[in-house]
Structure formats: C-alpha cells, structure tokens
Amino acid sequence: MGLIKEFKEFAVKGNAFDLAIGVIIGGAFGKIIASLVADIIMPPIGLLLGGVNFTSLKLILKSASIDATGKAIEAVTLNYGNFLQTTLDFIIIALCIFMMIKAINSMNKKNAEAPPPPPAPAEDIKLLTEIRDLLKK
C-alpha cells in the first residue's frame, strides 16, 4: 500500500507533470536544433569544402547489384555523413543545455548569497517588547 501512496504523492505533486513538459519541450527543441544544423550550419560548411552535401557522404561496402533472378540488391553503405550531422546536433544541444543550466545555477547562487533582511517588527510588537523588558527589570 505504501508504494501506491508514494506514487500518488509523486504524480500529484507535479513532478510527473514537470517531467512530461520537459520531455515535450526537449523534443521540440531537438527538432529546432536538427533543422538549424541541417539547414543553416551544414550547407555553408559543405560549400566551403567544395560543395559537399554531408547527408550524402557514405562509404560503399558492397555495390548494388542484380541477382540471378533479376531482383535488385541494394548497396551496403556506411552513412558517415548522417553520423557527422547527428553528432553536431548533439554537441549543439548539449552546449545549449549546459549554458541554460549554468545560467540557472548562477541565478540561484545569487539568490542564496543575499538573503533578504528580516522585516522590521510592527510598532505594537516593539511596544510590547519594551513593556516585557521593563517588567523583567
């Protein structure tokens, strides 16, 4: 019974909702970064390297052929261009997440270093404190 109670507390507190929202936003952010890399960053790099399209870079291990029955056999390739593009996607996403976490941590550190001063007691509390101190004497 304790496990069910703990799960209810977890789900109701908002942790599950926060996690779901984070996953959804992360997925959308990943698509934006993938588009940034594929459509904005890689074309100029390919142009600088002589008009290379990174997604078409591959190493052919076995050429396409036709078997004895006339059926086409596809080529076996290592698509290292896609791998390079996906690796660059990952590096950019990791860098962005690192920068966001660093900014959040620095804001939290500033808030922790300078706690707000305690509020001054109200006039009636001051008066009651003075009366108490006089009665102690």
Foldseek 3Di string as FASTA:
>chain_A
DVVVVVVVCCVVVCVVVVVVVVVVVLVVVLVVLLCCLQPPPPQVVCVVVPNDRLQPDKAFPAPWDADPVRHIDHTDIGSVSVVVSVVVSVVVSVVVVVVVVVVVVVVVVVCVVDDDDDDDDDPVVVVVVVVVVVVVD
